[in-house]
């Protein structure tokens, strides 16, 4: 394993909350706060300058591929498994979906700063259901579903093949969480969705009925996000 510290990957002083590597291993998405108070920022980075010293020294090799401004902080970014879409979860209660639109032929401006735009990302969908901040998003490995988790104690499952179609809201009426939901994970074959919450529990949901199958509370004596931070 080779570790490197690309100091040029930053949000101009703003916090970075999430990262995700593109399936082709040539791009890195970061999200968090921008340099303007309260705004959010997603940046698509070129991984070649991280992987190769020659590429890093090449002035023609762009390090920043795209900048996408948001009205509120962005908490999570996830590429779809085919790499065509990027899902962003943000503090403004929505999930935004961007589609890769190819290379840009000339320089331009994205957001508040003039940059050399190397790639285009088109906003295709804005998903509304959550009533509070959206903390996490995850695509299922088979590409059928997109799940989102929120401070409103719910998980929403979307039809990834027919966005913005909503499949189900996993809330207390289905045996859901009693606190903010802070993380999601699909099992590799798509039979279960795992969710973790500040209510000190982990829940497993079956994708055939969308009912809560298992609740795990031991040995969790603290909110799961706290346990993760101390590992």
Protein backbone atom coordinates (compact mmCIF):
# COMPACT_ATOMS: atom_id res chain seq x y z
CA UNK A 1 0.00 0.00 0.00
CA UNK A 2 1.30 3.43 -0.99
CA UNK A 3 0.05 6.48 0.92
CA UNK A 4 0.23 10.02 -0.40
CA UNK A 5 -0.94 13.40 0.84
CA UNK A 6 -2.13 15.57 -2.08
CA UNK A 7 -2.12 18.93 -0.31
CA UNK A 8 -3.57 20.63 -3.38
CA UNK A 9 -6.87 18.76 -2.85
CA UNK A 10 -8.79 21.22 -0.67
CA UNK A 11 -11.93 23.37 -0.51
CA UNK A 12 -10.13 26.71 -0.16
CA UNK A 13 -10.40 26.62 3.62
CA UNK A 14 -13.83 24.99 3.77
CA UNK A 15 -14.51 21.63 5.42
CA UNK A 16 -14.54 18.41 3.36
CA UNK A 17 -17.24 16.00 4.53
CA UNK A 18 -17.13 13.16 2.00
CA UNK A 19 -15.04 11.69 -0.82
CA UNK A 20 -15.76 9.07 -3.47
CA UNK A 21 -13.56 7.60 -6.20
CA UNK A 22 -15.06 7.12 -9.66
CA UNK A 23 -15.42 3.45 -10.77
CA UNK A 24 -12.84 4.03 -13.51
CA UNK A 25 -10.32 5.16 -10.86
CA UNK A 26 -9.51 8.36 -12.78
CA UNK A 27 -11.62 10.90 -10.84
CA UNK A 28 -12.21 11.81 -7.22
CA UNK A 29 -15.27 13.70 -5.97
CA UNK A 30 -15.12 15.72 -2.75
CA UNK A 31 -17.89 17.67 -1.07
CA UNK A 32 -18.41 19.97 1.88
CA UNK A 33 -18.32 23.71 2.49
CA UNK A 34 -17.11 26.31 0.03
CA UNK A 35 -15.20 29.51 0.69
CA UNK A 36 -18.42 31.55 1.04
CA UNK A 37 -20.24 31.29 4.37
CA UNK A 38 -22.93 28.63 4.35
CA UNK A 39 -22.56 27.60 0.72
CA UNK A 40 -21.71 24.08 -0.38
CA UNK A 41 -19.18 22.89 -2.89
CA UNK A 42 -18.52 19.73 -4.90
CA UNK A 43 -15.21 19.39 -6.71
CA UNK A 44 -14.27 16.72 -9.25
CA UNK A 45 -10.52 16.07 -9.16
CA UNK A 46 -8.24 14.38 -11.66
CA UNK A 47 -6.57 11.37 -10.02
CA UNK A 48 -3.72 11.20 -12.51
CA UNK A 49 -1.62 13.89 -10.74
CA UNK A 50 -2.05 11.88 -7.53
CA UNK A 51 -1.10 8.58 -9.15
CA UNK A 52 1.80 9.86 -11.25
CA UNK A 53 4.58 12.33 -10.46
CA UNK A 54 4.97 12.94 -14.20
CA UNK A 55 1.30 13.91 -14.50
CA UNK A 56 1.61 16.11 -11.40
CA UNK A 57 4.49 18.04 -13.01
CA UNK A 58 2.69 18.37 -16.35
CA UNK A 59 1.16 21.87 -16.51
CA UNK A 60 -1.23 20.67 -19.22
CA UNK A 61 -2.70 18.06 -16.87
CA UNK A 62 -5.66 19.70 -15.12
CA UNK A 63 -5.98 18.89 -11.44
CA UNK A 64 -9.53 20.28 -11.08
CA UNK A 65 -11.99 18.86 -13.59
CA UNK A 66 -15.16 20.62 -12.38
CA UNK A 67 -16.54 22.75 -9.53
CA UNK A 68 -20.24 22.62 -8.64
CA UNK A 69 -21.63 25.20 -6.22
CA UNK A 70 -24.54 24.42 -3.87
CA UNK A 71 -26.70 26.74 -1.81
CA UNK A 72 -26.01 24.74 1.37
CA UNK A 73 -23.31 22.43 2.68
CA UNK A 74 -22.98 19.08 0.91
CA UNK A 75 -22.63 16.13 3.29
CA UNK A 76 -22.10 13.16 0.98
CA UNK A 77 -21.21 12.37 -2.65
CA UNK A 78 -21.51 8.98 -4.36
CA UNK A 79 -20.86 7.90 -7.95
CA UNK A 80 -23.29 5.42 -9.46
CA UNK A 81 -21.68 2.04 -10.13
CA UNK A 82 -21.57 2.67 -13.88
CA UNK A 83 -19.96 6.06 -13.24
CA UNK A 84 -22.56 7.99 -15.24
CA UNK A 85 -24.24 9.79 -12.32
CA UNK A 86 -23.14 11.59 -9.17
CA UNK A 87 -25.53 11.87 -6.21
CA UNK A 88 -25.09 14.67 -3.66
CA UNK A 89 -26.78 14.89 -0.24
CA UNK A 90 -27.01 18.36 1.26
CA UNK A 91 -28.18 20.51 4.14
CA UNK A 92 -30.97 22.06 2.04
CA UNK A 93 -33.02 18.81 2.42
CA UNK A 94 -32.55 17.62 -1.17
CA UNK A 95 -30.55 15.12 -3.17
CA UNK A 96 -29.16 16.41 -6.45
CA UNK A 97 -28.17 14.11 -9.31
CA UNK A 98 -25.57 15.16 -11.86
CA UNK A 99 -24.79 13.46 -15.15
CA UNK A 100 -21.39 13.54 -16.82
CA UNK A 101 -21.70 15.58 -20.01
CA UNK A 102 -18.32 15.18 -21.66
CA UNK A 103 -15.34 17.45 -22.05
CA UNK A 104 -15.49 21.23 -22.24
CA UNK A 105 -13.83 22.82 -25.24
CA UNK A 106 -12.87 26.14 -23.65
CA UNK A 107 -12.39 27.88 -20.31
CA UNK A 108 -15.40 29.16 -18.42
CA UNK A 109 -16.78 29.82 -14.99
CA UNK A 110 -18.50 27.47 -12.56
CA UNK A 111 -19.78 29.12 -9.41
CA UNK A 112 -17.99 32.13 -8.03
CA UNK A 113 -14.48 31.48 -9.26
CA UNK A 114 -13.05 31.51 -12.76
CA UNK A 115 -11.64 28.08 -13.53
CA UNK A 116 -10.67 26.01 -16.52
CA UNK A 117 -13.66 23.77 -16.97
CA UNK A 118 -12.45 20.43 -18.21
CA UNK A 119 -15.64 18.41 -17.74
CA UNK A 120 -19.36 19.21 -17.83
CA UNK A 121 -21.83 17.94 -15.24
CA UNK A 122 -25.51 18.50 -15.95
CA UNK A 123 -28.10 18.65 -13.17
CA UNK A 124 -30.68 15.99 -14.10
CA UNK A 125 -32.80 15.61 -10.96
CA UNK A 126 -33.50 17.27 -7.64
CA UNK A 127 -35.11 14.80 -5.24
CA UNK A 128 -37.47 16.19 -2.58
CA UNK A 129 -39.00 14.26 0.32
CA UNK A 130 -36.84 14.77 3.40
CA UNK A 131 -37.87 17.50 5.85
CA UNK A 132 -34.38 18.02 7.32
CA UNK A 133 -30.74 17.79 6.25
CA UNK A 134 -29.78 14.80 4.09
CA UNK A 135 -26.68 13.15 5.56
CA UNK A 136 -25.92 10.20 3.29
CA UNK A 137 -26.71 8.62 -0.08
CA UNK A 138 -25.85 5.19 -1.51
CA UNK A 139 -26.50 3.46 -4.85
CA UNK A 140 -27.28 -0.25 -4.76
CA UNK A 141 -24.67 -2.42 -6.46
CA UNK A 142 -27.18 -3.65 -9.06
CA UNK A 143 -28.05 -0.07 -10.01
CA UNK A 144 -31.75 -0.44 -9.17
CA UNK A 145 -31.97 1.76 -6.09
CA UNK A 146 -30.68 4.95 -4.55
CA UNK A 147 -31.12 5.34 -0.78
CA UNK A 148 -30.91 8.59 1.18
CA UNK A 149 -30.67 9.11 4.95
CA UNK A 150 -31.67 12.22 6.86
CA UNK A 151 -31.77 14.08 10.13
CA UNK A 152 -35.56 13.63 9.95
CA UNK A 153 -35.12 9.98 11.15
CA UNK A 154 -36.10 8.51 7.77
CA UNK A 155 -34.54 6.67 4.86
CA UNK A 156 -35.97 7.15 1.37
CA UNK A 157 -35.46 4.54 -1.36
CA UNK A 158 -35.63 5.90 -4.90
CA UNK A 159 -36.00 4.07 -8.21
CA UNK A 160 -32.56 4.68 -9.73
CA UNK A 161 -33.82 3.56 -13.14
CA UNK A 162 -36.75 6.01 -13.15
CA UNK A 163 -35.68 9.03 -11.14
CA UNK A 164 -37.30 10.97 -9.51
CA UNK A 165 -39.68 8.07 -8.75
CA UNK A 166 -39.81 7.26 -5.04
CA UNK A 167 -40.26 3.63 -3.97
CA UNK A 168 -40.69 3.83 -0.20
CA UNK A 169 -40.04 5.91 2.91
CA UNK A 170 -38.56 3.82 5.72
CA UNK A 171 -39.90 5.53 8.83
CA UNK A 172 -41.22 4.63 12.27
CA UNK A 173 -44.40 3.14 10.80
CA UNK A 174 -42.24 0.43 9.23
CA UNK A 175 -40.12 -0.10 12.33
CA UNK A 176 -37.63 2.60 11.44
CA UNK A 177 -35.25 4.72 13.46
CA UNK A 178 -36.09 7.10 16.31
CA UNK A 179 -33.14 9.38 15.65
CA UNK A 180 -31.21 10.94 12.76
CA UNK A 181 -30.06 8.35 10.21
CA UNK A 182 -26.38 8.88 9.52
CA UNK A 183 -25.23 6.03 7.30
CA UNK A 184 -26.33 3.50 4.68
CA UNK A 185 -24.92 0.36 3.08
CA UNK A 186 -26.34 -2.10 0.54
CA UNK A 187 -25.32 -5.74 0.65
CA UNK A 188 -23.52 -6.87 -2.56
CA UNK A 189 -26.43 -8.92 -3.92
CA UNK A 190 -29.05 -6.30 -3.13
CA UNK A 191 -31.15 -8.30 -0.69
CA UNK A 192 -30.62 -6.04 2.33
CA UNK A 193 -30.13 -2.38 3.14
CA UNK A 194 -28.34 -1.55 6.40
CA UNK A 195 -28.97 1.78 8.14
CA UNK A 196 -27.28 3.30 11.18
CA UNK A 197 -28.65 5.99 13.45
CA UNK A 198 -28.04 8.29 16.38
CA UNK A 199 -30.66 6.20 18.21
CA UNK A 200 -27.79 3.73 18.86
CA UNK A 201 -29.15 1.07 16.54
CA UNK A 202 -28.40 -0.57 13.22
CA UNK A 203 -31.35 -1.84 11.17
CA UNK A 204 -31.45 -4.33 8.31
CA UNK A 205 -34.23 -3.90 5.74
CA UNK A 206 -35.33 -6.50 3.19
CA UNK A 207 -35.66 -5.20 -0.35
CA UNK A 208 -38.52 -7.56 -1.24
CA UNK A 209 -40.95 -6.09 1.33
CA UNK A 210 -39.09 -3.01 2.65
CA UNK A 211 -39.79 -4.11 6.21
CA UNK A 212 -37.30 -3.96 9.06
CA UNK A 213 -35.89 -7.48 9.38
CA UNK A 214 -33.35 -7.06 12.19
CA UNK A 215 -32.53 -4.43 14.82
CA UNK A 216 -29.04 -4.51 16.35
CA UNK A 217 -28.46 -2.43 19.48
CA UNK A 218 -25.68 -4.27 21.30
CA UNK A 219 -22.88 -3.49 21.93
CA UNK A 220 -23.69 0.07 20.87
CA UNK A 221 -23.82 2.31 23.95
CA UNK A 222 -23.18 5.50 21.96
CA UNK A 223 -24.55 6.94 18.72
CA UNK A 224 -22.97 5.04 15.84
CA UNK A 225 -21.39 8.14 14.33
CA UNK A 226 -19.47 8.64 17.60
CA UNK A 227 -18.28 5.04 17.54
CA UNK A 228 -17.04 5.46 13.98
CA UNK A 229 -15.11 8.60 14.86
CA UNK A 230 -13.26 6.87 17.70
CA UNK A 231 -12.12 3.84 15.72
